Amino acid sequence: MPEEIDTALITNELNCRYLSGVNYTDGFLLINRESAYLLADSRYIEVAKRDAAPGFEPRLLTGKRGDILRELAGNNIWFEDSTVSCAELAGYKRALPEKSFIPAGKPVEDLRNVKESVEVECIRRAQKIAEEAFDYILGFISPERTEQEVALELEYRMRKNGAEGISFNTIAISGSESSLPHGEPRSCKLEKGFLTMDFGAKYNGYCSDMTRTVCIGKPDGEMRRVYDTVLAAQTAALDAVIYGEERSCRVLDGIARGLIDGAGYKGLFGHSLGHGVGLYIHEGIHLSPRSEGRLVKGNVFTVEPGIYIEGKYGVRIEDMVYIGENGAENLTGCDKGLITL
């Protein structure tokens, strides 16, 4: 913390879990120069006493938060301005006019961007669970299934294989609906053509994220060209970061985007190339044309180009990459050749 700060008030649920090791939804952390407190209500205090990281003193959360801050916090308090609402901040200031509340930015999120080995192993396990579900779903898909059935079956298989939950709402969209990057699964039967599945598992709090597009029925020549263009764009970006050791987020996005534009699909890849992954499915890093950031050791991020032709179809292929001690590594092991079902 900066020298003028006495206390960090951590209220973001994922940041509390990251720092304290306790998964709870009602409470906060107070971190002073020489002490740290984990405040939890009666539903979580026993877990807090059992699981809190060394250095944290669990305290039962009773009474008003203002009274607790008056007792345990210093005069100059860092608060998470990216997640604390205006109403919450106004309440703190009314209750504690003698204290100063200073915006912190995202110091914990900056720490979370750089993964330690134990975090990466959780992400690996989450990804393995997702891949096992994908292998299974290929035998489940048929023209008689609905998009919702495919999405639910993916989620069921991930939970059955050890996931504590899903990373985000599962996407399984077919035919003309596949042109929607974040379309919602429908109750109708699968349409012929592309079926895009974007899904991920959570393991010990950490997310995985992958997308595969398969084809129901025989693809025509243009469909193959679209798929091959997306795959070539992803391969080029992956090769640049893994073998060429390119670390500029904007440059990597430009490699994939330039290839797609040059193939005649300019303007049909609307989203960024990728994003950071960790306790939250989109955290920290953005690989986009506007990004000024660079990838560093410890980052885990996605590479997911796509082409989306409105009202017709779309294709997206997504892997996760980790930059470790020995360079970049693709954490996704599923085949990416066009699978026809």
Protein backbone atom coordinates (compact mmCIF):
# COMPACT_ATOMS: atom_id res chain seq x y z
CA MET A 1 0.00 0.00 0.00
CA PRO A 2 1.16 3.59 -0.51
CA GLU A 3 2.76 5.16 2.56
CA GLU A 4 -0.21 7.40 3.30
CA ILE A 5 -2.64 4.44 3.43
CA ASP A 6 -3.36 2.81 6.78
CA THR A 7 -5.94 0.19 5.81
CA ALA A 8 -7.15 -1.65 2.72
CA LEU A 9 -10.88 -2.38 2.73
CA ILE A 10 -11.44 -5.41 0.46
CA THR A 11 -15.10 -6.06 -0.37
CA ASN A 12 -14.93 -7.73 -3.80
CA GLU A 13 -15.94 -11.36 -3.25
CA LEU A 14 -13.29 -12.87 -5.54
CA ASN A 15 -10.56 -10.63 -4.13
CA CYS A 16 -11.50 -11.70 -0.62
CA ARG A 17 -11.20 -15.33 -1.66
CA TYR A 18 -7.90 -14.73 -3.45
CA LEU A 19 -6.26 -13.04 -0.46
CA SER A 20 -7.76 -15.01 2.43
CA GLY A 21 -8.35 -18.44 0.90
CA VAL A 22 -11.94 -18.48 2.14
CA ASN A 23 -14.90 -18.79 -0.23
CA TYR A 24 -17.70 -16.72 1.28
CA THR A 25 -20.28 -14.25 0.04
CA ASP A 26 -21.08 -11.96 2.97
CA GLY A 27 -18.20 -10.16 4.63
CA PHE A 28 -15.00 -8.27 3.88
CA LEU A 29 -11.32 -7.98 4.69
CA LEU A 30 -9.51 -5.22 6.59
CA ILE A 31 -5.76 -5.24 6.02
CA ASN A 32 -3.65 -2.90 8.14
CA ARG A 33 0.11 -2.47 8.23
CA GLU A 34 0.59 -5.02 10.99
CA SER A 35 -2.74 -6.87 11.18
CA ALA A 36 -5.39 -8.36 8.92
CA TYR A 37 -9.00 -9.23 9.73
CA LEU A 38 -11.47 -11.49 7.95
CA LEU A 39 -15.02 -10.40 8.79
CA ALA A 40 -17.69 -13.07 8.19
CA ASP A 41 -21.22 -13.56 9.45
CA SER A 42 -22.49 -16.60 11.37
CA ARG A 43 -22.95 -18.64 8.19
CA TYR A 44 -19.26 -18.53 7.33
CA ILE A 45 -17.33 -17.87 10.54
CA GLU A 46 -16.60 -21.56 11.20
CA VAL A 47 -15.25 -21.99 7.68
CA ALA A 48 -13.22 -18.80 8.09
CA LYS A 49 -11.61 -20.09 11.27
CA ARG A 50 -10.74 -23.33 9.53
CA ASP A 51 -9.58 -22.10 6.12
CA ALA A 52 -8.25 -18.56 6.54
CA ALA A 53 -4.73 -18.01 5.22
CA PRO A 54 -1.97 -17.38 7.80
CA GLY A 55 -1.99 -13.81 9.03
CA PHE A 56 -5.77 -13.32 8.96
CA GLU A 57 -7.73 -13.09 12.19
CA PRO A 58 -11.36 -14.22 11.64
CA ARG A 59 -13.94 -12.02 13.36
CA LEU A 60 -17.69 -12.60 13.62
CA LEU A 61 -19.50 -9.89 11.68
CA THR A 62 -22.12 -8.35 13.97
CA GLY A 63 -23.53 -4.86 14.20
CA LYS A 64 -22.91 -2.04 11.72
CA ARG A 65 -19.96 -2.04 9.37
CA GLY A 66 -19.19 1.55 10.28
CA ASP A 67 -18.65 0.56 13.91
CA ILE A 68 -16.28 -2.24 12.85
CA LEU A 69 -14.26 0.09 10.64
CA ARG A 70 -14.08 2.65 13.44
CA GLU A 71 -12.58 -0.01 15.72
CA LEU A 72 -10.25 -1.87 13.37
CA ALA A 73 -9.33 0.46 10.50
CA GLY A 74 -6.91 3.35 10.34
CA ASN A 75 -7.77 6.88 9.28
CA ASN A 76 -6.82 6.63 5.60
CA ILE A 77 -8.71 3.75 3.99
CA TRP A 78 -8.15 2.33 0.52
CA PHE A 79 -11.41 1.13 -1.01
CA GLU A 80 -12.09 -0.79 -4.23
CA ASP A 81 -13.63 1.97 -6.30
CA SER A 82 -14.18 -0.34 -9.28
CA THR A 83 -16.72 -2.41 -7.34
CA VAL A 84 -17.94 -0.28 -4.40
CA SER A 85 -21.18 1.49 -5.36
CA CYS A 86 -21.78 5.20 -4.90
CA ALA A 87 -24.41 4.38 -2.26
CA GLU A 88 -21.98 2.19 -0.29
CA LEU A 89 -19.29 4.84 -0.34
CA ALA A 90 -21.76 7.52 0.76
CA GLY A 91 -22.80 5.26 3.64
CA TYR A 92 -19.20 4.81 4.79
CA LYS A 93 -18.59 8.54 4.68
CA ARG A 94 -21.75 9.33 6.65
CA ALA A 95 -20.90 6.78 9.31
CA LEU A 96 -17.20 7.71 9.50
CA PRO A 97 -16.74 11.43 8.73
CA GLU A 98 -13.44 11.39 10.60
CA LYS A 99 -11.86 8.91 8.13
CA SER A 100 -10.68 9.43 4.57
CA PHE A 101 -11.69 7.00 1.83
CA ILE A 102 -9.20 6.87 -1.02
CA PRO A 103 -9.80 5.06 -4.35
CA ALA A 104 -7.46 2.08 -4.70
CA GLY A 105 -7.96 1.19 -8.37
CA LYS A 106 -7.38 -2.53 -8.89
CA PRO A 107 -4.34 -3.56 -6.85
CA VAL A 108 -5.67 -7.04 -6.04
CA GLU A 109 -6.76 -7.64 -9.63
CA ASP A 110 -3.22 -6.73 -10.70
CA LEU A 111 -1.90 -9.41 -8.36
CA ARG A 112 -4.42 -11.91 -9.69
CA ASN A 113 -3.21 -11.38 -13.26
CA VAL A 114 0.04 -13.15 -12.42
CA LYS A 115 -0.79 -16.74 -11.50
CA GLU A 116 1.21 -18.84 -9.06
CA SER A 117 1.82 -22.50 -9.80
CA VAL A 118 -1.00 -23.70 -7.55
CA GLU A 119 -3.44 -21.47 -9.42
CA VAL A 120 -2.29 -22.74 -12.80
CA GLU A 121 -2.77 -26.33 -11.65
CA CYS A 122 -6.38 -25.53 -10.74
CA ILE A 123 -6.91 -24.03 -14.20
CA ARG A 124 -5.32 -27.10 -15.80
CA ARG A 125 -7.68 -29.35 -13.87
CA ALA A 126 -10.68 -27.20 -14.82
CA GLN A 127 -9.65 -27.39 -18.46
CA LYS A 128 -9.21 -31.15 -18.31
CA ILE A 129 -12.73 -31.48 -16.93
CA ALA A 130 -14.11 -29.36 -19.78
CA GLU A 131 -12.24 -31.41 -22.38
CA GLU A 132 -13.61 -34.65 -20.96
CA ALA A 133 -17.10 -33.19 -21.33
CA PHE A 134 -16.38 -32.21 -24.94
CA ASP A 135 -15.17 -35.71 -25.80
CA TYR A 136 -18.41 -37.08 -24.37
CA ILE A 137 -20.71 -34.58 -26.06
CA LEU A 138 -19.53 -35.56 -29.55
CA GLY A 139 -21.28 -38.90 -29.06
CA PHE A 140 -24.35 -37.23 -27.55
CA ILE A 141 -25.06 -34.78 -30.38
CA SER A 142 -27.69 -35.81 -32.91
CA PRO A 143 -30.31 -34.00 -35.02
CA GLU A 144 -32.92 -35.00 -32.42
CA ARG A 145 -31.21 -33.08 -29.62
CA THR A 146 -31.97 -29.47 -28.80
CA GLU A 147 -29.41 -26.74 -28.17
CA GLN A 148 -30.53 -26.59 -24.55
CA GLU A 149 -30.03 -30.34 -24.16
CA VAL A 150 -26.46 -30.06 -25.49
CA ALA A 151 -25.69 -27.16 -23.14
CA LEU A 152 -27.18 -28.91 -20.12
CA GLU A 153 -25.40 -32.18 -20.91
CA LEU A 154 -22.06 -30.36 -21.11
CA GLU A 155 -22.73 -28.80 -17.72
CA TYR A 156 -23.83 -32.12 -16.22
CA ARG A 157 -20.72 -33.92 -17.47
CA MET A 158 -18.45 -31.22 -16.10
CA ARG A 159 -20.11 -31.40 -12.69
CA LYS A 160 -20.00 -35.19 -12.74
CA ASN A 161 -16.27 -35.10 -13.58
CA GLY A 162 -15.41 -32.91 -10.61
CA ALA A 163 -16.28 -29.30 -11.47
CA GLU A 164 -17.63 -27.22 -8.59
CA GLY A 165 -19.63 -25.24 -11.14
CA ILE A 166 -19.52 -23.70 -14.59
CA SER A 167 -17.36 -20.73 -15.53
CA PHE A 168 -20.25 -18.93 -17.30
CA ASN A 169 -23.55 -19.72 -18.97
CA THR A 170 -22.84 -22.43 -21.52
CA ILE A 171 -23.28 -21.50 -25.19
CA ALA A 172 -24.50 -24.15 -27.66
CA ILE A 173 -25.94 -22.58 -30.80
CA SER A 174 -26.49 -24.12 -34.22
CA GLY A 175 -27.20 -23.21 -37.82
CA SER A 176 -28.04 -19.55 -38.45
CA GLU A 177 -27.93 -18.86 -34.70
CA SER A 178 -24.19 -19.59 -34.68
CA SER A 179 -23.62 -16.13 -36.17
CA LEU A 180 -24.36 -14.75 -32.67
CA PRO A 181 -21.08 -14.79 -30.70
CA HIS A 182 -22.96 -15.05 -27.38
CA GLY A 183 -26.24 -16.56 -28.49
CA GLU A 184 -28.38 -18.41 -25.95
CA PRO A 185 -29.25 -22.09 -26.41
CA ARG A 186 -32.78 -22.61 -27.70
CA SER A 187 -35.31 -25.36 -27.05
CA CYS A 188 -35.52 -26.17 -30.78
CA LYS A 189 -33.74 -29.13 -32.37
CA LEU A 190 -30.22 -28.64 -33.66
CA GLU A 191 -30.05 -27.08 -37.10
CA LYS A 192 -27.82 -28.49 -39.79
CA GLY A 193 -24.55 -26.66 -40.26
CA PHE A 194 -22.21 -25.25 -37.65
CA LEU A 195 -22.73 -25.91 -33.95
CA THR A 196 -20.62 -23.65 -31.72
CA MET A 197 -20.07 -24.67 -28.10
CA ASP A 198 -18.40 -22.23 -25.69
CA PHE A 199 -18.11 -23.55 -22.15
CA GLY A 200 -15.88 -23.93 -19.12
CA ALA A 201 -15.57 -25.60 -15.74
CA LYS A 202 -14.63 -24.26 -12.33
CA TYR A 203 -12.20 -26.13 -10.11
CA ASN A 204 -11.32 -24.80 -6.66
CA GLY A 205 -12.65 -21.44 -7.80
CA TYR A 206 -10.60 -21.22 -11.00
CA CYS A 207 -12.17 -21.13 -14.46
CA SER A 208 -11.45 -22.76 -17.77
CA ASP A 209 -12.72 -21.52 -21.12
CA MET A 210 -12.84 -23.23 -24.50
CA THR A 211 -14.82 -23.05 -27.74
CA ARG A 212 -15.18 -25.66 -30.43
CA THR A 213 -17.28 -25.45 -33.59
CA VAL A 214 -18.38 -28.69 -35.22
CA CYS A 215 -20.60 -29.31 -38.25
CA ILE A 216 -23.86 -31.24 -38.32
CA GLY A 217 -24.05 -32.66 -41.82
CA LYS A 218 -21.62 -32.13 -44.66
CA PRO A 219 -20.17 -28.60 -44.92
CA ASP A 220 -20.04 -26.90 -48.29
CA GLY A 221 -16.92 -25.27 -49.72
CA GLU A 222 -17.56 -21.83 -48.28
CA MET A 223 -18.21 -23.25 -44.82
CA ARG A 224 -14.88 -25.08 -44.97
CA ARG A 225 -13.17 -21.87 -46.09
CA VAL A 226 -14.62 -19.92 -43.16
CA TYR A 227 -13.59 -22.63 -40.70
CA ASP A 228 -10.09 -22.94 -42.16
CA THR A 229 -9.64 -19.16 -42.03
CA VAL A 230 -10.54 -19.01 -38.33
CA LEU A 231 -8.25 -21.93 -37.57
CA ALA A 232 -5.39 -20.35 -39.53
CA ALA A 233 -5.89 -17.06 -37.69
CA GLN A 234 -5.82 -18.78 -34.31
CA THR A 235 -2.81 -20.90 -35.26
CA ALA A 236 -0.88 -17.82 -36.40
CA ALA A 237 -1.56 -15.97 -33.13
CA LEU A 238 -0.73 -19.05 -31.05
CA ASP A 239 2.50 -19.61 -32.97
CA ALA A 240 3.47 -15.98 -32.45
CA VAL A 241 3.13 -16.18 -28.68
CA ILE A 242 4.41 -19.74 -28.22
CA TYR A 243 7.23 -19.92 -30.74
CA GLY A 244 7.85 -16.30 -31.70
CA GLU A 245 7.50 -15.07 -28.09
CA GLU A 246 5.37 -12.10 -29.10
CA ARG A 247 4.01 -10.42 -25.97
CA SER A 248 2.11 -7.38 -27.22
CA CYS A 249 -1.66 -7.88 -26.79
CA ARG A 250 -2.40 -5.52 -29.68
CA VAL A 251 0.10 -7.18 -32.02
CA LEU A 252 -1.30 -10.64 -31.33
CA ASP A 253 -4.82 -9.43 -32.01
CA GLY A 254 -3.56 -7.83 -35.22
CA ILE A 255 -1.97 -11.06 -36.45
CA ALA A 256 -5.28 -12.94 -36.28
CA ARG A 257 -7.41 -10.02 -37.41
CA GLY A 258 -5.16 -9.26 -40.37
CA LEU A 259 -5.38 -12.82 -41.60
CA ILE A 260 -9.19 -12.83 -41.35
CA ASP A 261 -9.47 -9.44 -43.05
CA GLY A 262 -7.09 -10.53 -45.81
CA ALA A 263 -9.18 -13.61 -46.52
CA GLY A 264 -12.15 -11.43 -47.41
CA TYR A 265 -13.97 -11.41 -44.06
CA LYS A 266 -13.12 -7.90 -42.91
CA GLY A 267 -15.54 -6.62 -40.30
CA LEU A 268 -16.86 -10.09 -39.46
CA PHE A 269 -14.55 -10.60 -36.44
CA GLY A 270 -16.05 -8.09 -34.06
CA HIS A 271 -14.77 -9.02 -30.61
CA SER A 272 -11.25 -9.04 -29.18
CA LEU A 273 -8.86 -11.93 -29.72
CA GLY A 274 -8.81 -12.95 -26.06
CA HIS A 275 -8.94 -12.16 -22.36
CA GLY A 276 -7.38 -13.17 -19.08
CA VAL A 277 -8.82 -16.13 -17.14
CA GLY A 278 -8.61 -16.94 -13.43
CA LEU A 279 -11.05 -16.75 -10.53
CA TYR A 280 -13.21 -14.70 -12.90
CA ILE A 281 -13.83 -15.73 -16.50
CA HIS A 282 -12.79 -12.32 -17.89
CA GLU A 283 -10.06 -10.78 -15.80
CA GLY A 284 -7.25 -8.35 -16.36
CA ILE A 285 -5.79 -8.95 -19.78
CA HIS A 286 -7.44 -7.97 -23.07
CA LEU A 287 -6.00 -8.87 -26.46
CA SER A 288 -7.65 -6.20 -28.60
CA PRO A 289 -6.78 -3.57 -31.21
CA ARG A 290 -6.92 -0.92 -28.47
CA SER A 291 -4.86 -2.72 -25.85
CA GLU A 292 -1.62 -1.11 -24.70
CA GLY A 293 -0.72 -4.07 -22.48
CA ARG A 294 1.91 -6.76 -22.77
CA LEU A 295 1.73 -10.34 -21.62
CA VAL A 296 4.03 -11.34 -18.77
CA LYS A 297 5.09 -14.52 -17.04
CA GLY A 298 2.20 -15.93 -15.04
CA ASN A 299 -0.58 -14.75 -17.35
CA VAL A 300 -3.32 -17.16 -18.43
CA PHE A 301 -5.42 -15.96 -21.36
CA THR A 302 -7.58 -17.10 -24.27
CA VAL A 303 -6.98 -16.94 -28.02
CA GLU A 304 -10.39 -17.06 -29.73
CA PRO A 305 -10.81 -15.55 -33.19
CA GLY A 306 -14.11 -15.93 -35.01
CA ILE A 307 -16.02 -15.10 -38.17
CA TYR A 308 -19.74 -14.29 -37.90
CA ILE A 309 -21.88 -13.85 -41.03
CA GLU A 310 -25.19 -12.32 -39.98
CA GLY A 311 -28.19 -14.56 -40.54
CA LYS A 312 -26.04 -17.33 -42.02
CA TYR A 313 -23.55 -18.92 -39.61
CA GLY A 314 -20.47 -18.35 -37.49
CA VAL A 315 -17.30 -20.11 -36.37
CA ARG A 316 -15.16 -19.59 -33.26
CA ILE A 317 -12.22 -21.64 -31.98
CA GLU A 318 -10.79 -20.94 -28.52
CA ASP A 319 -7.80 -22.22 -26.55
CA MET A 320 -6.21 -21.09 -23.27
CA VAL A 321 -2.52 -20.18 -23.04
CA TYR A 322 -0.21 -19.93 -20.01
CA ILE A 323 3.10 -18.09 -19.96
CA GLY A 324 5.38 -20.02 -17.61
CA GLU A 325 9.04 -20.25 -16.72
CA ASN A 326 9.86 -21.92 -20.03
CA GLY A 327 7.70 -19.77 -22.28
CA ALA A 328 4.11 -19.95 -23.47
CA GLU A 329 2.12 -23.18 -23.36
CA ASN A 330 -1.25 -24.09 -24.85
CA LEU A 331 -3.37 -25.56 -22.04
CA THR A 332 -6.07 -26.85 -24.42
CA GLY A 333 -5.59 -30.32 -25.82
CA CYS A 334 -8.71 -30.96 -27.93
CA ASP A 335 -8.39 -31.49 -31.66
CA LYS A 336 -9.25 -28.47 -33.82
CA GLY A 337 -9.82 -30.08 -37.19
CA LEU A 338 -13.38 -29.62 -38.47
CA ILE A 339 -15.43 -32.43 -36.93
CA THR A 340 -18.44 -33.52 -38.98
CA LEU A 341 -21.26 -35.29 -37.18
